[in-house]
Amino acid sequence: MPSRRTLILAAAALAVGSSSVVSALAEDASAEAFLGAIYKKLAAGKGDSGGQIYWLDAKDRTKWFSAALVKQWAAAEDRAKAGGDEASPIDFDPFTNSQDPQLKGYKIEKLDAVPPVTKLRVTLKGGYATPGDGVLVFDLVQEKGWKIDDIQGSAGGDRWDLKEILAMP
């Protein structure tokens, strides 16, 4: 009969092995599931927490955004600080396209999948004065799982693009 220590070591080895399986499954998950997990959290409760949970803290951006977008965002923040501005170059919640999120629901649709980019449209339910302002398009890429590489939307009918905003001097 195996000793208690042997059983504990075997269980630990099994746990380590299964975590690599979980990691592999996470990388194979769909782009829709990745974005859906974000929006499920954003819509929870009163739907007023917004995307700042994903982008406010620079050290957490690598969990959600592509390496290229994280690098571009850091450069934009450095330019802002060099110019004497302590504010982030993004002054709105890009996940809810708002200043004061009130996310009441969402719908995710795949638009296109031309490697390396998968485009998803997110239609938000909330109080948007201009109907098109409740529609966002996400570009996602595979980098150790899915990562957001760009977000496009409109505000008051004026189109915006996250990468373009971050590229502004």
N, C-alpha and C. Protein backbone atom coordinates (compact mmCIF):
# COMPACT_ATOMS: atom_id res chain seq x y z
N MET A 1 0.85 -1.18 0.00
CA MET A 1 0.00 0.00 0.00
C MET A 1 0.90 1.24 0.00
N PRO A 2 0.59 2.23 -0.88
CA PRO A 2 1.43 3.43 -0.95
C PRO A 2 1.32 4.24 0.33
N SER A 3 2.41 4.90 0.65
CA SER A 3 2.42 5.75 1.85
C SER A 3 1.60 7.02 1.61
N ARG A 4 1.27 7.67 2.68
CA ARG A 4 0.50 8.93 2.59
C ARG A 4 1.30 9.96 1.81
N ARG A 5 2.62 9.99 2.03
CA ARG A 5 3.49 10.95 1.32
C ARG A 5 3.46 10.67 -0.17
N THR A 6 3.52 9.41 -0.57
CA THR A 6 3.48 9.05 -1.98
C THR A 6 2.18 9.50 -2.61
N LEU A 7 1.06 9.31 -1.91
CA LEU A 7 -0.24 9.74 -2.42
C LEU A 7 -0.29 11.26 -2.59
N ILE A 8 0.26 11.99 -1.62
CA ILE A 8 0.27 13.46 -1.69
C ILE A 8 1.12 13.91 -2.88
N LEU A 9 2.30 13.29 -3.04
CA LEU A 9 3.17 13.66 -4.17
C LEU A 9 2.50 13.32 -5.50
N ALA A 10 1.83 12.20 -5.58
CA ALA A 10 1.12 11.81 -6.80
C ALA A 10 0.00 12.80 -7.11
N ALA A 11 -0.73 13.21 -6.09
CA ALA A 11 -1.81 14.18 -6.28
C ALA A 11 -1.24 15.52 -6.74
N ALA A 12 -0.10 15.93 -6.18
CA ALA A 12 0.52 17.19 -6.59
C ALA A 12 0.97 17.12 -8.04
N ALA A 13 1.57 15.99 -8.42
CA ALA A 13 2.01 15.82 -9.81
C ALA A 13 0.82 15.87 -10.76
N LEU A 14 -0.27 15.24 -10.37
CA LEU A 14 -1.49 15.25 -11.18
C LEU A 14 -2.03 16.67 -11.32
N ALA A 15 -2.00 17.42 -10.23
CA ALA A 15 -2.49 18.80 -10.25
C ALA A 15 -1.64 19.65 -11.18
N VAL A 16 -0.32 19.50 -11.14
CA VAL A 16 0.56 20.26 -12.02
C VAL A 16 0.28 19.89 -13.47
N GLY A 17 0.13 18.60 -13.74
CA GLY A 17 -0.17 18.15 -15.09
C GLY A 17 -1.49 18.70 -15.59
N SER A 18 -2.50 18.71 -14.74
CA SER A 18 -3.81 19.19 -15.17
C SER A 18 -3.81 20.69 -15.40
N SER A 19 -2.95 21.45 -14.67
CA SER A 19 -2.90 22.89 -14.89
C SER A 19 -2.36 23.20 -16.27
N SER A 20 -1.42 22.37 -16.78
CA SER A 20 -0.94 22.60 -18.14
C SER A 20 -2.03 22.28 -19.16
N VAL A 21 -2.87 21.31 -18.85
CA VAL A 21 -4.01 21.00 -19.72
C VAL A 21 -4.98 22.18 -19.72
N VAL A 22 -5.24 22.74 -18.55
CA VAL A 22 -6.12 23.90 -18.46
C VAL A 22 -5.54 25.05 -19.27
N SER A 23 -4.22 25.27 -19.16
CA SER A 23 -3.59 26.35 -19.93
C SER A 23 -3.74 26.10 -21.42
N ALA A 24 -3.54 24.87 -21.85
CA ALA A 24 -3.68 24.56 -23.27
C ALA A 24 -5.11 24.78 -23.74
N LEU A 25 -6.08 24.38 -22.92
CA LEU A 25 -7.49 24.59 -23.28
C LEU A 25 -7.81 26.07 -23.35
N ALA A 26 -7.25 26.86 -22.42
CA ALA A 26 -7.50 28.30 -22.41
C ALA A 26 -6.98 28.93 -23.70
N GLU A 27 -5.84 28.46 -24.19
CA GLU A 27 -5.29 29.00 -25.43
C GLU A 27 -6.14 28.63 -26.62
N ASP A 28 -6.83 27.49 -26.56
CA ASP A 28 -7.65 27.04 -27.67
C ASP A 28 -9.08 27.58 -27.60
N ALA A 29 -9.43 28.27 -26.52
CA ALA A 29 -10.77 28.80 -26.38
C ALA A 29 -11.05 29.80 -27.50
N SER A 30 -12.29 29.99 -27.82
CA SER A 30 -12.64 30.88 -28.91
C SER A 30 -12.45 32.34 -28.51
N ALA A 31 -12.30 33.17 -29.53
CA ALA A 31 -12.21 34.61 -29.31
C ALA A 31 -13.49 35.11 -28.65
N GLU A 32 -14.62 34.53 -29.05
CA GLU A 32 -15.91 34.93 -28.47
C GLU A 32 -15.95 34.62 -26.97
N ALA A 33 -15.41 33.47 -26.58
CA ALA A 33 -15.40 33.10 -25.16
C ALA A 33 -14.51 34.05 -24.37
N PHE A 34 -13.37 34.42 -24.92
CA PHE A 34 -12.45 35.35 -24.26
C PHE A 34 -13.14 36.70 -24.01
N LEU A 35 -13.73 37.26 -25.07
CA LEU A 35 -14.39 38.56 -24.94
C LEU A 35 -15.66 38.44 -24.10
N GLY A 36 -16.36 37.33 -24.24
CA GLY A 36 -17.57 37.10 -23.46
C GLY A 36 -17.28 37.07 -21.97
N ALA A 37 -16.15 36.50 -21.57
CA ALA A 37 -15.78 36.46 -20.15
C ALA A 37 -15.56 37.87 -19.62
N ILE A 38 -14.97 38.74 -20.43
CA ILE A 38 -14.77 40.13 -20.02
C ILE A 38 -16.12 40.82 -19.84
N TYR A 39 -16.99 40.68 -20.85
CA TYR A 39 -18.28 41.37 -20.79
C TYR A 39 -19.22 40.79 -19.73
N LYS A 40 -19.09 39.53 -19.46
CA LYS A 40 -19.90 38.94 -18.39
C LYS A 40 -19.58 39.63 -17.06
N LYS A 41 -18.29 39.86 -16.83
CA LYS A 41 -17.88 40.53 -15.60
C LYS A 41 -18.33 41.99 -15.61
N LEU A 42 -18.23 42.66 -16.76
CA LEU A 42 -18.61 44.07 -16.84
C LEU A 42 -20.11 44.27 -16.65
N ALA A 43 -20.91 43.31 -17.09
CA ALA A 43 -22.36 43.44 -17.01
C ALA A 43 -22.92 42.95 -15.67
N ALA A 44 -22.06 42.35 -14.85
CA ALA A 44 -22.52 41.82 -13.56
C ALA A 44 -22.99 42.96 -12.65
N GLY A 45 -23.83 42.62 -11.73
CA GLY A 45 -24.34 43.61 -10.78
C GLY A 45 -25.15 44.67 -11.49
N LYS A 46 -24.79 45.93 -11.27
CA LYS A 46 -25.50 47.04 -11.89
C LYS A 46 -24.90 47.42 -13.24
N GLY A 47 -23.83 46.74 -13.65
CA GLY A 47 -23.20 47.03 -14.93
C GLY A 47 -22.49 48.36 -14.96
N ASP A 48 -22.06 48.84 -13.79
CA ASP A 48 -21.43 50.15 -13.75
C ASP A 48 -19.94 50.11 -13.39
N SER A 49 -19.33 48.92 -13.43
CA SER A 49 -17.91 48.85 -13.09
C SER A 49 -17.04 49.24 -14.28
N GLY A 50 -17.50 49.00 -15.48
CA GLY A 50 -16.78 49.43 -16.67
C GLY A 50 -15.49 48.68 -16.90
N GLY A 51 -14.85 49.00 -18.01
CA GLY A 51 -13.63 48.31 -18.42
C GLY A 51 -12.39 48.75 -17.70
N GLN A 52 -12.48 49.78 -16.83
CA GLN A 52 -11.28 50.22 -16.16
C GLN A 52 -10.61 49.09 -15.41
N ILE A 53 -11.35 48.06 -15.07
CA ILE A 53 -10.74 46.92 -14.40
C ILE A 53 -9.73 46.23 -15.31
N TYR A 54 -9.82 46.46 -16.61
CA TYR A 54 -8.92 45.81 -17.56
C TYR A 54 -7.83 46.72 -18.09
N TRP A 55 -7.98 48.01 -18.02
CA TRP A 55 -6.99 48.85 -18.66
C TRP A 55 -6.37 49.92 -17.81
N LEU A 56 -6.93 50.24 -16.67
CA LEU A 56 -6.40 51.33 -15.87
C LEU A 56 -4.98 51.08 -15.39
N ASP A 57 -4.70 49.92 -14.88
CA ASP A 57 -3.38 49.61 -14.33
C ASP A 57 -2.50 49.00 -15.43
N ALA A 58 -1.43 49.71 -15.77
CA ALA A 58 -0.56 49.30 -16.87
C ALA A 58 -0.03 47.87 -16.71
N LYS A 59 0.26 47.47 -15.48
CA LYS A 59 0.83 46.13 -15.28
C LYS A 59 -0.17 45.01 -15.60
N ASP A 60 -1.46 45.32 -15.58
CA ASP A 60 -2.48 44.31 -15.88
C ASP A 60 -2.84 44.23 -17.36
N ARG A 61 -2.40 45.18 -18.15
CA ARG A 61 -2.80 45.22 -19.56
C ARG A 61 -2.34 44.00 -20.35
N THR A 62 -1.21 43.41 -19.97
CA THR A 62 -0.71 42.26 -20.71
C THR A 62 -1.64 41.06 -20.64
N LYS A 63 -2.54 41.04 -19.65
CA LYS A 63 -3.50 39.94 -19.53
C LYS A 63 -4.56 40.02 -20.63
N TRP A 64 -4.85 41.22 -21.11
CA TRP A 64 -6.00 41.43 -21.99
C TRP A 64 -5.63 41.95 -23.38
N PHE A 65 -4.51 42.66 -23.47
CA PHE A 65 -4.14 43.34 -24.72
C PHE A 65 -2.89 42.72 -25.33
N SER A 66 -2.78 42.84 -26.66
CA SER A 66 -1.62 42.30 -27.38
C SER A 66 -0.35 43.03 -26.95
N ALA A 67 0.78 42.38 -27.16
CA ALA A 67 2.06 42.99 -26.80
C ALA A 67 2.27 44.30 -27.55
N ALA A 68 1.89 44.34 -28.82
CA ALA A 68 2.05 45.56 -29.61
C ALA A 68 1.19 46.70 -29.06
N LEU A 69 -0.05 46.40 -28.66
CA LEU A 69 -0.93 47.44 -28.14
C LEU A 69 -0.45 47.91 -26.76
N VAL A 70 0.02 47.00 -25.93
CA VAL A 70 0.56 47.37 -24.61
C VAL A 70 1.75 48.31 -24.79
N LYS A 71 2.62 47.99 -25.74
CA LYS A 71 3.81 48.82 -26.00
C LYS A 71 3.38 50.20 -26.50
N GLN A 72 2.42 50.24 -27.41
CA GLN A 72 1.94 51.51 -27.95
C GLN A 72 1.29 52.36 -26.84
N TRP A 73 0.54 51.71 -25.96
CA TRP A 73 -0.13 52.40 -24.85
C TRP A 73 0.92 53.01 -23.91
N ALA A 74 1.96 52.25 -23.58
CA ALA A 74 3.02 52.74 -22.70
C ALA A 74 3.73 53.95 -23.33
N ALA A 75 3.98 53.89 -24.63
CA ALA A 75 4.62 55.02 -25.33
C ALA A 75 3.72 56.25 -25.28
N ALA A 76 2.42 56.07 -25.45
CA ALA A 76 1.48 57.19 -25.40
C ALA A 76 1.46 57.81 -24.00
N GLU A 77 1.50 56.98 -22.97
CA GLU A 77 1.53 57.49 -21.60
C GLU A 77 2.84 58.23 -21.33
N ASP A 78 3.95 57.71 -21.86
CA ASP A 78 5.23 58.38 -21.69
C ASP A 78 5.22 59.76 -22.36
N ARG A 79 4.65 59.85 -23.57
CA ARG A 79 4.54 61.14 -24.25
C ARG A 79 3.69 62.12 -23.45
N ALA A 80 2.58 61.62 -22.90
CA ALA A 80 1.70 62.47 -22.11
C ALA A 80 2.43 63.01 -20.87
N LYS A 81 3.15 62.14 -20.19
CA LYS A 81 3.89 62.56 -18.99
C LYS A 81 5.00 63.55 -19.34
N ALA A 82 5.70 63.31 -20.46
CA ALA A 82 6.76 64.22 -20.90
C ALA A 82 6.19 65.60 -21.21
N GLY A 83 4.95 65.64 -21.64
CA GLY A 83 4.28 66.91 -21.93
C GLY A 83 3.63 67.52 -20.70
N GLY A 84 3.82 66.92 -19.54
CA GLY A 84 3.29 67.47 -18.31
C GLY A 84 1.88 67.02 -17.97
N ASP A 85 1.35 66.06 -18.72
CA ASP A 85 -0.01 65.57 -18.48
C ASP A 85 0.06 64.24 -17.75
N GLU A 86 -0.51 64.17 -16.58
CA GLU A 86 -0.51 62.93 -15.80
C GLU A 86 -1.69 62.03 -16.15
N ALA A 87 -2.63 62.55 -16.93
CA ALA A 87 -3.82 61.78 -17.29
C ALA A 87 -3.47 60.75 -18.37
N SER A 88 -4.22 59.68 -18.39
CA SER A 88 -4.06 58.66 -19.41
C SER A 88 -4.49 59.22 -20.76
N PRO A 89 -3.87 58.78 -21.84
CA PRO A 89 -4.31 59.24 -23.16
C PRO A 89 -5.71 58.73 -23.50
N ILE A 90 -6.20 57.74 -22.78
CA ILE A 90 -7.55 57.23 -22.98
C ILE A 90 -8.38 57.75 -21.81
N ASP A 91 -9.30 58.67 -22.12
CA ASP A 91 -10.08 59.32 -21.05
C ASP A 91 -11.53 58.86 -21.02
N PHE A 92 -11.75 57.64 -21.50
CA PHE A 92 -13.08 57.04 -21.47
C PHE A 92 -12.91 55.55 -21.33
N ASP A 93 -13.97 54.86 -21.04
CA ASP A 93 -13.94 53.41 -20.90
C ASP A 93 -14.13 52.79 -22.29
N PRO A 94 -13.07 52.24 -22.88
CA PRO A 94 -13.20 51.70 -24.24
C PRO A 94 -14.05 50.43 -24.33
N PHE A 95 -14.29 49.76 -23.21
CA PHE A 95 -15.12 48.55 -23.24
C PHE A 95 -16.61 48.87 -23.25
N THR A 96 -16.97 50.02 -22.69
CA THR A 96 -18.38 50.41 -22.68
C THR A 96 -18.62 51.67 -23.50
N ASN A 97 -17.54 52.23 -24.07
CA ASN A 97 -17.62 53.44 -24.89
C ASN A 97 -18.36 54.54 -24.14
N SER A 98 -17.93 54.78 -22.90
CA SER A 98 -18.63 55.76 -22.08
C SER A 98 -17.73 56.33 -21.00
N GLN A 99 -18.21 57.38 -20.38
CA GLN A 99 -17.57 57.95 -19.19
C GLN A 99 -18.19 57.34 -17.93
N ASP A 100 -19.45 57.02 -18.03
CA ASP A 100 -20.22 56.53 -16.88
C ASP A 100 -20.94 55.25 -17.28
N PRO A 101 -20.24 54.12 -17.22
CA PRO A 101 -20.82 52.87 -17.73
C PRO A 101 -22.10 52.44 -17.03
N GLN A 102 -23.04 52.04 -17.83
CA GLN A 102 -24.30 51.47 -17.35
C GLN A 102 -24.64 50.30 -18.27
N LEU A 103 -23.80 49.28 -18.27
CA LEU A 103 -23.95 48.16 -19.18
C LEU A 103 -25.08 47.24 -18.72
N LYS A 104 -26.13 47.16 -19.50
CA LYS A 104 -27.30 46.35 -19.15
C LYS A 104 -27.32 45.01 -19.87
N GLY A 105 -26.41 44.82 -20.80
CA GLY A 105 -26.32 43.57 -21.53
C GLY A 105 -25.45 43.76 -22.76
N TYR A 106 -25.21 42.68 -23.47
CA TYR A 106 -24.33 42.73 -24.64
C TYR A 106 -24.62 41.54 -25.55
N LYS A 107 -24.20 41.69 -26.78
CA LYS A 107 -24.29 40.59 -27.76
C LYS A 107 -22.98 40.59 -28.54
N ILE A 108 -22.35 39.42 -28.67
CA ILE A 108 -21.08 39.29 -29.38
C ILE A 108 -21.30 38.50 -30.66
N GLU A 109 -20.81 39.04 -31.77
CA GLU A 109 -20.93 38.37 -33.07
C GLU A 109 -19.57 38.34 -33.76
N LYS A 110 -19.26 37.22 -34.38
CA LYS A 110 -18.02 37.13 -35.15
C LYS A 110 -18.27 37.80 -36.50
N LEU A 111 -17.41 38.74 -36.86
CA LEU A 111 -17.52 39.41 -38.14
C LEU A 111 -16.63 38.75 -39.18
N ASP A 112 -15.41 38.43 -38.77
CA ASP A 112 -14.43 37.94 -39.73
C ASP A 112 -13.31 37.25 -38.98
N ALA A 113 -12.70 36.31 -39.62
CA ALA A 113 -11.53 35.64 -39.06
C ALA A 113 -10.52 35.41 -40.17
N VAL A 114 -9.67 36.39 -40.38
CA VAL A 114 -8.60 36.29 -41.36
C VAL A 114 -7.30 36.33 -40.59
N PRO A 115 -6.70 35.15 -40.36
CA PRO A 115 -5.50 35.10 -39.53
C PRO A 115 -4.49 36.16 -39.95
N PRO A 116 -3.90 36.83 -38.99
CA PRO A 116 -3.90 36.53 -37.57
C PRO A 116 -4.99 37.23 -36.77
N VAL A 117 -5.92 37.93 -37.44
CA VAL A 117 -6.90 38.74 -36.72
C VAL A 117 -8.30 38.14 -36.80
N THR A 118 -8.98 38.10 -35.67
CA THR A 118 -10.40 37.76 -35.61
C THR A 118 -11.14 39.01 -35.18
N LYS A 119 -12.14 39.41 -35.97
CA LYS A 119 -12.93 40.60 -35.66
C LYS A 119 -14.26 40.18 -35.05
N LEU A 120 -14.58 40.81 -33.91
CA LEU A 120 -15.84 40.57 -33.23
C LEU A 120 -16.57 41.89 -33.03
N ARG A 121 -17.88 41.86 -33.24
CA ARG A 121 -18.70 43.04 -32.96
C ARG A 121 -19.41 42.80 -31.63
N VAL A 122 -19.37 43.83 -30.77
CA VAL A 122 -20.08 43.78 -29.50
C VAL A 122 -21.14 44.88 -29.53
N THR A 123 -22.39 44.46 -29.40
CA THR A 123 -23.49 45.41 -29.33
C THR A 123 -23.90 45.52 -27.87
N LEU A 124 -23.81 46.73 -27.34
CA LEU A 124 -24.06 46.98 -25.92
C LEU A 124 -25.48 47.46 -25.69
N LYS A 125 -26.05 47.01 -24.60
CA LYS A 125 -27.38 47.50 -24.18
C LYS A 125 -27.15 48.48 -23.03
N GLY A 126 -27.61 49.67 -23.21
CA GLY A 126 -27.44 50.70 -22.20
C GLY A 126 -28.02 51.99 -22.73
N GLY A 127 -27.70 53.09 -22.11
CA GLY A 127 -28.28 54.37 -22.48
C GLY A 127 -27.42 55.15 -23.45
N TYR A 128 -27.33 54.71 -24.71
CA TYR A 128 -26.54 55.41 -25.71
C TYR A 128 -27.44 56.34 -26.51
N ALA A 129 -27.13 57.66 -26.49
CA ALA A 129 -27.94 58.66 -27.19
C ALA A 129 -27.90 58.44 -28.70
N THR A 130 -26.71 58.11 -29.22
CA THR A 130 -26.56 57.82 -30.64
C THR A 130 -26.48 56.30 -30.76
N PRO A 131 -27.43 55.68 -31.49
CA PRO A 131 -27.48 54.21 -31.53
C PRO A 131 -26.15 53.53 -31.89
N GLY A 132 -25.40 54.07 -32.81
CA GLY A 132 -24.14 53.46 -33.22
C GLY A 132 -23.07 53.47 -32.14
N ASP A 133 -23.25 54.33 -31.12
CA ASP A 133 -22.26 54.41 -30.04
C ASP A 133 -22.25 53.16 -29.17
N GLY A 134 -23.29 52.36 -29.27
CA GLY A 134 -23.37 51.12 -28.50
C GLY A 134 -22.82 49.93 -29.25
N VAL A 135 -22.07 50.17 -30.33
CA VAL A 135 -21.49 49.09 -31.13
C VAL A 135 -19.98 49.27 -31.18
N LEU A 136 -19.25 48.24 -30.78
CA LEU A 136 -17.79 48.24 -30.80
C LEU A 136 -17.29 47.08 -31.64
N VAL A 137 -16.15 47.26 -32.29
CA VAL A 137 -15.53 46.18 -33.05
C VAL A 137 -14.15 45.94 -32.45
N PHE A 138 -13.90 44.70 -32.09
CA PHE A 138 -12.64 44.29 -31.49
C PHE A 138 -11.83 43.48 -32.49
N ASP A 139 -10.54 43.78 -32.58
CA ASP A 139 -9.59 42.94 -33.30
C ASP A 139 -8.86 42.12 -32.25
N LEU A 140 -8.94 40.80 -32.38
CA LEU A 140 -8.26 39.92 -31.44
C LEU A 140 -7.22 39.10 -32.17
N VAL A 141 -6.10 38.83 -31.49
CA VAL A 141 -5.01 38.03 -32.04
C VAL A 141 -4.63 36.95 -31.03
N GLN A 142 -4.02 35.89 -31.53
CA GLN A 142 -3.55 34.81 -30.67
C GLN A 142 -2.14 35.13 -30.18
N GLU A 143 -2.00 35.31 -28.88
CA GLU A 143 -0.70 35.49 -28.22
C GLU A 143 -0.81 34.80 -26.87
N LYS A 144 -0.48 33.53 -26.80
CA LYS A 144 -0.67 32.77 -25.56
C LYS A 144 -2.11 32.90 -25.11
N GLY A 145 -3.01 32.61 -25.99
CA GLY A 145 -4.44 32.83 -25.78
C GLY A 145 -4.85 34.05 -26.58
N TRP A 146 -6.08 34.45 -26.46
CA TRP A 146 -6.58 35.61 -27.20
C TRP A 146 -6.22 36.90 -26.48
N LYS A 147 -5.86 37.93 -27.27
CA LYS A 147 -5.56 39.26 -26.76
C LYS A 147 -6.22 40.29 -27.67
N ILE A 148 -6.64 41.39 -27.08
CA ILE A 148 -7.24 42.49 -27.84
C ILE A 148 -6.12 43.28 -28.49
N ASP A 149 -6.21 43.47 -29.80
CA ASP A 149 -5.19 44.21 -30.54
C ASP A 149 -5.69 45.59 -30.96
N ASP A 150 -6.99 45.81 -30.97
CA ASP A 150 -7.55 47.12 -31.28
C ASP A 150 -9.04 47.12 -30.96
N ILE A 151 -9.58 48.30 -30.75
CA ILE A 151 -11.02 48.48 -30.53
C ILE A 151 -11.44 49.69 -31.36
N GLN A 152 -12.55 49.57 -32.09
CA GLN A 152 -13.10 50.68 -32.84
C GLN A 152 -14.53 50.93 -32.39
N GLY A 153 -14.91 52.19 -32.42
CA GLY A 153 -16.27 52.56 -32.06
C GLY A 153 -16.59 53.94 -32.59
N SER A 154 -17.64 54.54 -32.06
CA SER A 154 -17.97 55.92 -32.41
C SER A 154 -18.54 56.60 -31.18
N ALA A 155 -18.37 57.92 -31.14
CA ALA A 155 -18.90 58.73 -30.05
C ALA A 155 -19.64 59.91 -30.68
N GLY A 156 -20.94 59.96 -30.46
CA GLY A 156 -21.74 61.01 -31.07
C GLY A 156 -21.71 60.95 -32.58
N GLY A 157 -21.48 59.76 -33.11
CA GLY A 157 -21.41 59.58 -34.55
C GLY A 157 -20.00 59.74 -35.12
N ASP A 158 -19.04 60.20 -34.30
CA ASP A 158 -17.65 60.35 -34.76
C ASP A 158 -16.87 59.08 -34.46
N ARG A 159 -16.28 58.50 -35.49
CA ARG A 159 -15.54 57.25 -35.38
C ARG A 159 -14.28 57.44 -34.54
N TRP A 160 -13.93 56.43 -33.73
CA TRP A 160 -12.66 56.41 -33.02
C TRP A 160 -12.04 55.02 -33.13
N ASP A 161 -10.73 54.98 -32.97
CA ASP A 161 -9.95 53.75 -33.05
C ASP A 161 -8.89 53.83 -31.96
N LEU A 162 -8.83 52.83 -31.11
CA LEU A 162 -7.92 52.86 -29.96
C LEU A 162 -6.47 53.06 -30.39
N LYS A 163 -6.03 52.33 -31.40
CA LYS A 163 -4.64 52.47 -31.86
C LYS A 163 -4.37 53.87 -32.39
N GLU A 164 -5.34 54.45 -33.09
CA GLU A 164 -5.17 55.81 -33.61
C GLU A 164 -5.08 56.82 -32.48
N ILE A 165 -5.90 56.66 -31.44
CA ILE A 165 -5.83 57.56 -30.30
C ILE A 165 -4.47 57.47 -29.63
N LEU A 166 -3.97 56.25 -29.47
CA LEU A 166 -2.69 56.05 -28.80
C LEU A 166 -1.52 56.54 -29.65
N ALA A 167 -1.70 56.66 -30.95
CA ALA A 167 -0.64 57.13 -31.85
C ALA A 167 -0.56 58.66 -31.91
N MET A 168 -1.58 59.34 -31.38
CA MET A 168 -1.59 60.81 -31.44
C MET A 168 -0.44 61.38 -30.63
N PRO A 169 0.18 62.43 -31.18
CA PRO A 169 1.31 63.07 -30.44
C PRO A 169 0.84 63.80 -29.20
